[in-house]
Amino acid sequence: MEALVQRVCGEFREMPGLRLTFAQACRLWHMDAASCQAVLTRLVRDGILMQTRHGHYIATPTPRAVTATLETSERVA
């Protein structure tokens, strides 16, 4: 299980814009539904991922990403 958690976490780190539904995650990582749910639930619980209101799993913004976004929006305004 730990290897799966690290693998999924690494994928989201390597692809910051990755946005997956539960079904897409199962297919991408060739996991059965129970295993995939356990991994995603753990990553959400640990604050690494979050689930959007439409059910997509995305990486939780890091403080650095939030700061960069705020700085960019301030320059535009």
PDB file of N, CA and C in Angstrom:
ATOM      1  N   MET A   1       0.823  -1.201   0.000  1.00  0.00           N
ATOM      2  CA  MET A   1       0.000   0.000   0.000  1.00  0.00           C
ATOM      3  C   MET A   1       0.862   1.257   0.000  1.00  0.00           C
ATOM      4  N   GLU A   2       1.926   1.234   0.795  1.00  0.00           N
ATOM      5  CA  GLU A   2       2.800   2.416   0.878  1.00  0.00           C
ATOM      6  C   GLU A   2       3.400   2.758  -0.485  1.00  0.00           C
ATOM      7  N   ALA A   3       3.770   1.731  -1.246  1.00  0.00           N
ATOM      8  CA  ALA A   3       4.332   1.968  -2.582  1.00  0.00           C
ATOM      9  C   ALA A   3       3.307   2.642  -3.497  1.00  0.00           C
ATOM     10  N   LEU A   4       2.053   2.239  -3.401  1.00  0.00           N
ATOM     11  CA  LEU A   4       1.001   2.859  -4.204  1.00  0.00           C
ATOM     12  C   LEU A   4       0.789   4.319  -3.811  1.00  0.00           C
ATOM     13  N   VAL A   5       0.796   4.575  -2.521  1.00  0.00           N
ATOM     14  CA  VAL A   5       0.629   5.951  -2.031  1.00  0.00           C
ATOM     15  C   VAL A   5       1.760   6.828  -2.558  1.00  0.00           C
ATOM     16  N   GLN A   6       2.987   6.340  -2.478  1.00  0.00           N
ATOM     17  CA  GLN A   6       4.132   7.113  -2.960  1.00  0.00           C
ATOM     18  C   GLN A   6       4.073   7.328  -4.465  1.00  0.00           C
ATOM     19  N   ARG A   7       3.635   6.315  -5.188  1.00  0.00           N
ATOM     20  CA  ARG A   7       3.525   6.420  -6.646  1.00  0.00           C
ATOM     21  C   ARG A   7       2.512   7.491  -7.044  1.00  0.00           C
ATOM     22  N   VAL A   8       1.325   7.445  -6.443  1.00  0.00           N
ATOM     23  CA  VAL A   8       0.281   8.420  -6.768  1.00  0.00           C
ATOM     24  C   VAL A   8       0.717   9.823  -6.356  1.00  0.00           C
ATOM     25  N   CYS A   9       1.290   9.941  -5.197  1.00  0.00           N
ATOM     26  CA  CYS A   9       1.787  11.235  -4.724  1.00  0.00           C
ATOM     27  C   CYS A   9       2.826  11.792  -5.699  1.00  0.00           C
ATOM     28  N   GLY A  10       3.730  10.935  -6.149  1.00  0.00           N
ATOM     29  CA  GLY A  10       4.764  11.355  -7.095  1.00  0.00           C
ATOM     30  C   GLY A  10       4.187  11.824  -8.410  1.00  0.00           C
ATOM     31  N   GLU A  11       3.146  11.149  -8.887  1.00  0.00           N
ATOM     32  CA  GLU A  11       2.508  11.554 -10.143  1.00  0.00           C
ATOM     33  C   GLU A  11       1.918  12.955 -10.025  1.00  0.00           C
ATOM     34  N   PHE A  12       1.253  13.234  -8.925  1.00  0.00           N
ATOM     35  CA  PHE A  12       0.677  14.558  -8.739  1.00  0.00           C
ATOM     36  C   PHE A  12       1.757  15.622  -8.578  1.00  0.00           C
ATOM     37  N   ARG A  13       2.885  15.273  -7.961  1.00  0.00           N
ATOM     38  CA  ARG A  13       3.995  16.219  -7.825  1.00  0.00           C
ATOM     39  C   ARG A  13       4.631  16.514  -9.179  1.00  0.00           C
ATOM     40  N   GLU A  14       4.800  15.484 -10.007  1.00  0.00           N
ATOM     41  CA  GLU A  14       5.447  15.652 -11.308  1.00  0.00           C
ATOM     42  C   GLU A  14       4.563  16.365 -12.316  1.00  0.00           C
ATOM     43  N   MET A  15       3.255  16.279 -12.144  1.00  0.00           N
ATOM     44  CA  MET A  15       2.311  16.923 -13.064  1.00  0.00           C
ATOM     45  C   MET A  15       1.374  17.817 -12.260  1.00  0.00           C
ATOM     46  N   PRO A  16       1.804  19.032 -11.946  1.00  0.00           N
ATOM     47  CA  PRO A  16       1.029  19.912 -11.057  1.00  0.00           C
ATOM     48  C   PRO A  16      -0.410  20.166 -11.487  1.00  0.00           C
ATOM     49  N   GLY A  17      -0.709  20.129 -12.756  1.00  0.00           N
ATOM     50  CA  GLY A  17      -2.068  20.388 -13.220  1.00  0.00           C
ATOM     51  C   GLY A  17      -2.928  19.141 -13.327  1.00  0.00           C
ATOM     52  N   LEU A  18      -2.422  18.010 -12.848  1.00  0.00           N
ATOM     53  CA  LEU A  18      -3.156  16.754 -12.961  1.00  0.00           C
ATOM     54  C   LEU A  18      -4.486  16.845 -12.232  1.00  0.00           C
ATOM     55  N   ARG A  19      -5.530  16.416 -12.909  1.00  0.00           N
ATOM     56  CA  ARG A  19      -6.901  16.511 -12.387  1.00  0.00           C
ATOM     57  C   ARG A  19      -7.613  15.247 -12.831  1.00  0.00           C
ATOM     58  N   LEU A  20      -7.943  14.376 -11.885  1.00  0.00           N
ATOM     59  CA  LEU A  20      -8.503  13.075 -12.225  1.00  0.00           C
ATOM     60  C   LEU A  20      -9.785  12.780 -11.466  1.00  0.00           C
ATOM     61  N   THR A  21     -10.717  12.134 -12.154  1.00  0.00           N
ATOM     62  CA  THR A  21     -11.873  11.585 -11.465  1.00  0.00           C
ATOM     63  C   THR A  21     -11.436  10.271 -10.827  1.00  0.00           C
ATOM     64  N   PHE A  22     -12.282   9.717  -9.997  1.00  0.00           N
ATOM     65  CA  PHE A  22     -11.973   8.439  -9.368  1.00  0.00           C
ATOM     66  C   PHE A  22     -11.757   7.355 -10.426  1.00  0.00           C
ATOM     67  N   ALA A  23     -12.643   7.281 -11.407  1.00  0.00           N
ATOM     68  CA  ALA A  23     -12.526   6.269 -12.463  1.00  0.00           C
ATOM     69  C   ALA A  23     -11.241   6.445 -13.266  1.00  0.00           C
ATOM     70  N   GLN A  24     -10.870   7.680 -13.562  1.00  0.00           N
ATOM     71  CA  GLN A  24      -9.629   7.934 -14.294  1.00  0.00           C
ATOM     72  C   GLN A  24      -8.420   7.495 -13.486  1.00  0.00           C
ATOM     73  N   ALA A  25      -8.450   7.752 -12.189  1.00  0.00           N
ATOM     74  CA  ALA A  25      -7.335   7.354 -11.319  1.00  0.00           C
ATOM     75  C   ALA A  25      -7.194   5.834 -11.297  1.00  0.00           C
ATOM     76  N   CYS A  26      -8.309   5.121 -11.194  1.00  0.00           N
ATOM     77  CA  CYS A  26      -8.272   3.652 -11.208  1.00  0.00           C
ATOM     78  C   CYS A  26      -7.628   3.143 -12.487  1.00  0.00           C
ATOM     79  N   ARG A  27      -8.021   3.721 -13.604  1.00  0.00           N
ATOM     80  CA  ARG A  27      -7.473   3.284 -14.896  1.00  0.00           C
ATOM     81  C   ARG A  27      -6.005   3.653 -15.039  1.00  0.00           C
ATOM     82  N   LEU A  28      -5.656   4.870 -14.670  1.00  0.00           N
ATOM     83  CA  LEU A  28      -4.276   5.337 -14.839  1.00  0.00           C
ATOM     84  C   LEU A  28      -3.285   4.472 -14.065  1.00  0.00           C
ATOM     85  N   TRP A  29      -3.649   4.126 -12.838  1.00  0.00           N
ATOM     86  CA  TRP A  29      -2.729   3.369 -11.994  1.00  0.00           C
ATOM     87  C   TRP A  29      -3.056   1.883 -11.927  1.00  0.00           C
ATOM     88  N   HIS A  30      -3.975   1.436 -12.786  1.00  0.00           N
ATOM     89  CA  HIS A  30      -4.330   0.010 -12.865  1.00  0.00           C
ATOM     90  C   HIS A  30      -4.640  -0.563 -11.487  1.00  0.00           C
ATOM     91  N   MET A  31      -5.494   0.155 -10.752  1.00  0.00           N
ATOM     92  CA  MET A  31      -5.885  -0.276  -9.408  1.00  0.00           C
ATOM     93  C   MET A  31      -7.351  -0.658  -9.383  1.00  0.00           C
ATOM     94  N   ASP A  32      -7.666  -1.609  -8.524  1.00  0.00           N
ATOM     95  CA  ASP A  32      -9.071  -1.919  -8.301  1.00  0.00           C
ATOM     96  C   ASP A  32      -9.676  -0.771  -7.487  1.00  0.00           C
ATOM     97  N   ALA A  33     -10.987  -0.695  -7.494  1.00  0.00           N
ATOM     98  CA  ALA A  33     -11.680   0.430  -6.857  1.00  0.00           C
ATOM     99  C   ALA A  33     -11.350   0.573  -5.371  1.00  0.00           C
ATOM    100  N   ALA A  34     -11.297  -0.548  -4.645  1.00  0.00           N
ATOM    101  CA  ALA A  34     -11.037  -0.477  -3.199  1.00  0.00           C
ATOM    102  C   ALA A  34      -9.639   0.062  -2.905  1.00  0.00           C
ATOM    103  N   SER A  35      -8.648  -0.411  -3.643  1.00  0.00           N
ATOM    104  CA  SER A  35      -7.268   0.058  -3.427  1.00  0.00           C
ATOM    105  C   SER A  35      -7.132   1.525  -3.786  1.00  0.00           C
ATOM    106  N   CYS A  36      -7.717   1.895  -4.917  1.00  0.00           N
ATOM    107  CA  CYS A  36      -7.634   3.287  -5.352  1.00  0.00           C
ATOM    108  C   CYS A  36      -8.306   4.211  -4.350  1.00  0.00           C
ATOM    109  N   GLN A  37      -9.464   3.816  -3.859  1.00  0.00           N
ATOM    110  CA  GLN A  37     -10.172   4.634  -2.869  1.00  0.00           C
ATOM    111  C   GLN A  37      -9.345   4.791  -1.602  1.00  0.00           C
ATOM    112  N   ALA A  38      -8.704   3.717  -1.175  1.00  0.00           N
ATOM    113  CA  ALA A  38      -7.875   3.782   0.036  1.00  0.00           C
ATOM    114  C   ALA A  38      -6.710   4.747  -0.155  1.00  0.00           C
ATOM    115  N   VAL A  39      -6.059   4.688  -1.315  1.00  0.00           N
ATOM    116  CA  VAL A  39      -4.919   5.571  -1.588  1.00  0.00           C
ATOM    117  C   VAL A  39      -5.379   7.022  -1.649  1.00  0.00           C
ATOM    118  N   LEU A  40      -6.429   7.296  -2.422  1.00  0.00           N
ATOM    119  CA  LEU A  40      -6.902   8.675  -2.560  1.00  0.00           C
ATOM    120  C   LEU A  40      -7.409   9.233  -1.236  1.00  0.00           C
ATOM    121  N   THR A  41      -8.115   8.411  -0.482  1.00  0.00           N
ATOM    122  CA  THR A  41      -8.607   8.851   0.829  1.00  0.00           C
ATOM    123  C   THR A  41      -7.446   9.221   1.742  1.00  0.00           C
ATOM    124  N   ARG A  42      -6.421   8.414   1.741  1.00  0.00           N
ATOM    125  CA  ARG A  42      -5.261   8.705   2.588  1.00  0.00           C
ATOM    126  C   ARG A  42      -4.577  10.000   2.166  1.00  0.00           C
ATOM    127  N   LEU A  43      -4.400  10.196   0.858  1.00  0.00           N
ATOM    128  CA  LEU A  43      -3.736  11.414   0.384  1.00  0.00           C
ATOM    129  C   LEU A  43      -4.566  12.660   0.656  1.00  0.00           C
ATOM    130  N   VAL A  44      -5.885  12.541   0.594  1.00  0.00           N
ATOM    131  CA  VAL A  44      -6.752  13.672   0.958  1.00  0.00           C
ATOM    132  C   VAL A  44      -6.643  13.923   2.457  1.00  0.00           C
ATOM    133  N   ARG A  45      -6.709  12.857   3.259  1.00  0.00           N
ATOM    134  CA  ARG A  45      -6.601  12.985   4.715  1.00  0.00           C
ATOM    135  C   ARG A  45      -5.273  13.629   5.122  1.00  0.00           C
ATOM    136  N   ASP A  46      -4.197  13.264   4.406  1.00  0.00           N
ATOM    137  CA  ASP A  46      -2.867  13.795   4.724  1.00  0.00           C
ATOM    138  C   ASP A  46      -2.634  15.188   4.160  1.00  0.00           C
ATOM    139  N   GLY A  47      -3.611  15.729   3.427  1.00  0.00           N
ATOM    140  CA  GLY A  47      -3.495  17.091   2.905  1.00  0.00           C
ATOM    141  C   GLY A  47      -2.685  17.201   1.627  1.00  0.00           C
ATOM    142  N   ILE A  48      -2.375  16.090   0.993  1.00  0.00           N
ATOM    143  CA  ILE A  48      -1.588  16.112  -0.241  1.00  0.00           C
ATOM    144  C   ILE A  48      -2.493  16.362  -1.443  1.00  0.00           C
ATOM    145  N   LEU A  49      -3.679  15.771  -1.398  1.00  0.00           N
ATOM    146  CA  LEU A  49      -4.673  15.971  -2.451  1.00  0.00           C
ATOM    147  C   LEU A  49      -5.925  16.593  -1.854  1.00  0.00           C
ATOM    148  N   MET A  50      -6.721  17.137  -2.745  1.00  0.00           N
ATOM    149  CA  MET A  50      -8.046  17.586  -2.354  1.00  0.00           C
ATOM    150  C   MET A  50      -9.012  17.182  -3.453  1.00  0.00           C
ATOM    151  N   GLN A  51     -10.273  17.093  -3.102  1.00  0.00           N
ATOM    152  CA  GLN A  51     -11.288  16.725  -4.078  1.00  0.00           C
ATOM    153  C   GLN A  51     -12.142  17.945  -4.361  1.00  0.00           C
ATOM    154  N   THR A  52     -12.304  18.254  -5.640  1.00  0.00           N
ATOM    155  CA  THR A  52     -13.100  19.413  -6.018  1.00  0.00           C
ATOM    156  C   THR A  52     -14.582  19.098  -5.842  1.00  0.00           C
ATOM    157  N   ARG A  53     -15.409  20.108  -5.916  1.00  0.00           N
ATOM    158  CA  ARG A  53     -16.845  19.882  -5.756  1.00  0.00           C
ATOM    159  C   ARG A  53     -17.417  19.054  -6.897  1.00  0.00           C
ATOM    160  N   HIS A  54     -16.667  18.937  -8.001  1.00  0.00           N
ATOM    161  CA  HIS A  54     -17.106  18.113  -9.127  1.00  0.00           C
ATOM    162  C   HIS A  54     -16.508  16.709  -9.068  1.00  0.00           C
ATOM    163  N   GLY A  55     -15.783  16.402  -7.990  1.00  0.00           N
ATOM    164  CA  GLY A  55     -15.267  15.059  -7.791  1.00  0.00           C
ATOM    165  C   GLY A  55     -13.881  14.776  -8.334  1.00  0.00           C
ATOM    166  N   HIS A  56     -13.200  15.785  -8.860  1.00  0.00           N
ATOM    167  CA  HIS A  56     -11.843  15.584  -9.356  1.00  0.00           C
ATOM    168  C   HIS A  56     -10.845  15.635  -8.206  1.00  0.00           C
ATOM    169  N   TYR A  57      -9.812  14.835  -8.321  1.00  0.00           N
ATOM    170  CA  TYR A  57      -8.716  14.868  -7.352  1.00  0.00           C
ATOM    171  C   TYR A  57      -7.607  15.722  -7.933  1.00  0.00           C
ATOM    172  N   ILE A  58      -7.143  16.674  -7.144  1.00  0.00           N
ATOM    173  CA  ILE A  58      -6.061  17.569  -7.551  1.00  0.00           C
ATOM    174  C   ILE A  58      -5.080  17.709  -6.396  1.00  0.00           C
ATOM    175  N   ALA A  59      -3.868  18.141  -6.724  1.00  0.00           N
ATOM    176  CA  ALA A  59      -2.876  18.391  -5.679  1.00  0.00           C
ATOM    177  C   ALA A  59      -3.298  19.611  -4.872  1.00  0.00           C
ATOM    178  N   THR A  60      -3.120  19.536  -3.576  1.00  0.00           N
ATOM    179  CA  THR A  60      -3.395  20.680  -2.718  1.00  0.00           C
ATOM    180  C   THR A  60      -2.357  21.752  -3.021  1.00  0.00           C
ATOM    181  N   PRO A  61      -2.798  22.979  -3.244  1.00  0.00           N
ATOM    182  CA  PRO A  61      -1.822  24.041  -3.521  1.00  0.00           C
ATOM    183  C   PRO A  61      -0.822  24.188  -2.376  1.00  0.00           C
ATOM    184  N   THR A  62       0.428  24.331  -2.742  1.00  0.00           N
ATOM    185  CA  THR A  62       1.468  24.539  -1.737  1.00  0.00           C
ATOM    186  C   THR A  62       1.526  26.022  -1.394  1.00  0.00           C
ATOM    187  N   PRO A  63       2.075  26.370  -0.245  1.00  0.00           N
ATOM    188  CA  PRO A  63       2.196  27.792   0.097  1.00  0.00           C
ATOM    189  C   PRO A  63       2.939  28.573  -0.989  1.00  0.00           C
ATOM    190  N   ARG A  64       3.942  27.957  -1.603  1.00  0.00           N
ATOM    191  CA  ARG A  64       4.702  28.637  -2.659  1.00  0.00           C
ATOM    192  C   ARG A  64       3.801  28.913  -3.864  1.00  0.00           C
ATOM    193  N   ALA A  65       2.985  27.937  -4.261  1.00  0.00           N
ATOM    194  CA  ALA A  65       2.088  28.110  -5.403  1.00  0.00           C
ATOM    195  C   ALA A  65       1.040  29.180  -5.113  1.00  0.00           C
ATOM    196  N   VAL A  66       0.516  29.191  -3.901  1.00  0.00           N
ATOM    197  CA  VAL A  66      -0.475  30.202  -3.524  1.00  0.00           C
ATOM    198  C   VAL A  66       0.153  31.584  -3.544  1.00  0.00           C
ATOM    199  N   THR A  67       1.364  31.725  -3.022  1.00  0.00           N
ATOM    200  CA  THR A  67       2.067  33.003  -3.016  1.00  0.00           C
ATOM    201  C   THR A  67       2.329  33.484  -4.437  1.00  0.00           C
ATOM    202  N   ALA A  68       2.773  32.576  -5.321  1.00  0.00           N
ATOM    203  CA  ALA A  68       3.036  32.944  -6.710  1.00  0.00           C
ATOM    204  C   ALA A  68       1.757  33.402  -7.401  1.00  0.00           C
ATOM    205  N   THR A  69       0.663  32.741  -7.145  1.00  0.00           N
ATOM    206  CA  THR A  69      -0.616  33.116  -7.736  1.00  0.00           C
ATOM    207  C   THR A  69      -1.037  34.496  -7.255  1.00  0.00           C
ATOM    208  N   LEU A  70      -0.886  34.757  -5.962  1.00  0.00           N
ATOM    209  CA  LEU A  70      -1.241  36.070  -5.419  1.00  0.00           C
ATOM    210  C   LEU A  70      -0.358  37.159  -6.005  1.00  0.00           C
ATOM    211  N   GLU A  71       0.941  36.900  -6.131  1.00  0.00           N
ATOM    212  CA  GLU A  71       1.847  37.889  -6.679  1.00  0.00           C
ATOM    213  C   GLU A  71       1.502  38.189  -8.136  1.00  0.00           C
ATOM    214  N   THR A  72       1.174  37.163  -8.905  1.00  0.00           N
ATOM    215  CA  THR A  72       0.807  37.347 -10.308  1.00  0.00           C
ATOM    216  C   THR A  72      -0.457  38.171 -10.427  1.00  0.00           C
ATOM    217  N   SER A  73      -1.455  37.874  -9.618  1.00  0.00           N
ATOM    218  CA  SER A  73      -2.713  38.619  -9.693  1.00  0.00           C
ATOM    219  C   SER A  73      -2.536  40.066  -9.246  1.00  0.00           C
ATOM    220  N   GLU A  74      -1.607  40.322  -8.334  1.00  0.00           N
ATOM    221  CA  GLU A  74      -1.344  41.702  -7.913  1.00  0.00           C
ATOM    222  C   GLU A  74      -0.704  42.493  -9.030  1.00  0.00           C
ATOM    223  N   ARG A  75       0.195  41.841  -9.809  1.00  0.00           N
ATOM    224  CA  ARG A  75       0.845  42.533 -10.928  1.00  0.00           C
ATOM    225  C   ARG A  75      -0.144  42.863 -12.025  1.00  0.00           C
ATOM    226  N   VAL A  76      -1.115  42.001 -12.233  1.00  0.00           N
ATOM    227  CA  VAL A  76      -2.093  42.208 -13.276  1.00  0.00           C
ATOM    228  C   VAL A  76      -3.062  43.317 -12.901  1.00  0.00           C
ATOM    229  N   ALA A  77      -3.380  43.426 -11.622  1.00  0.00           N
ATOM    230  CA  ALA A  77      -4.373  44.400 -11.163  1.00  0.00           C
ATOM    231  C   ALA A  77      -3.876  45.812 -11.196  1.00  0.00           C
TER     232      ALA A  77
END
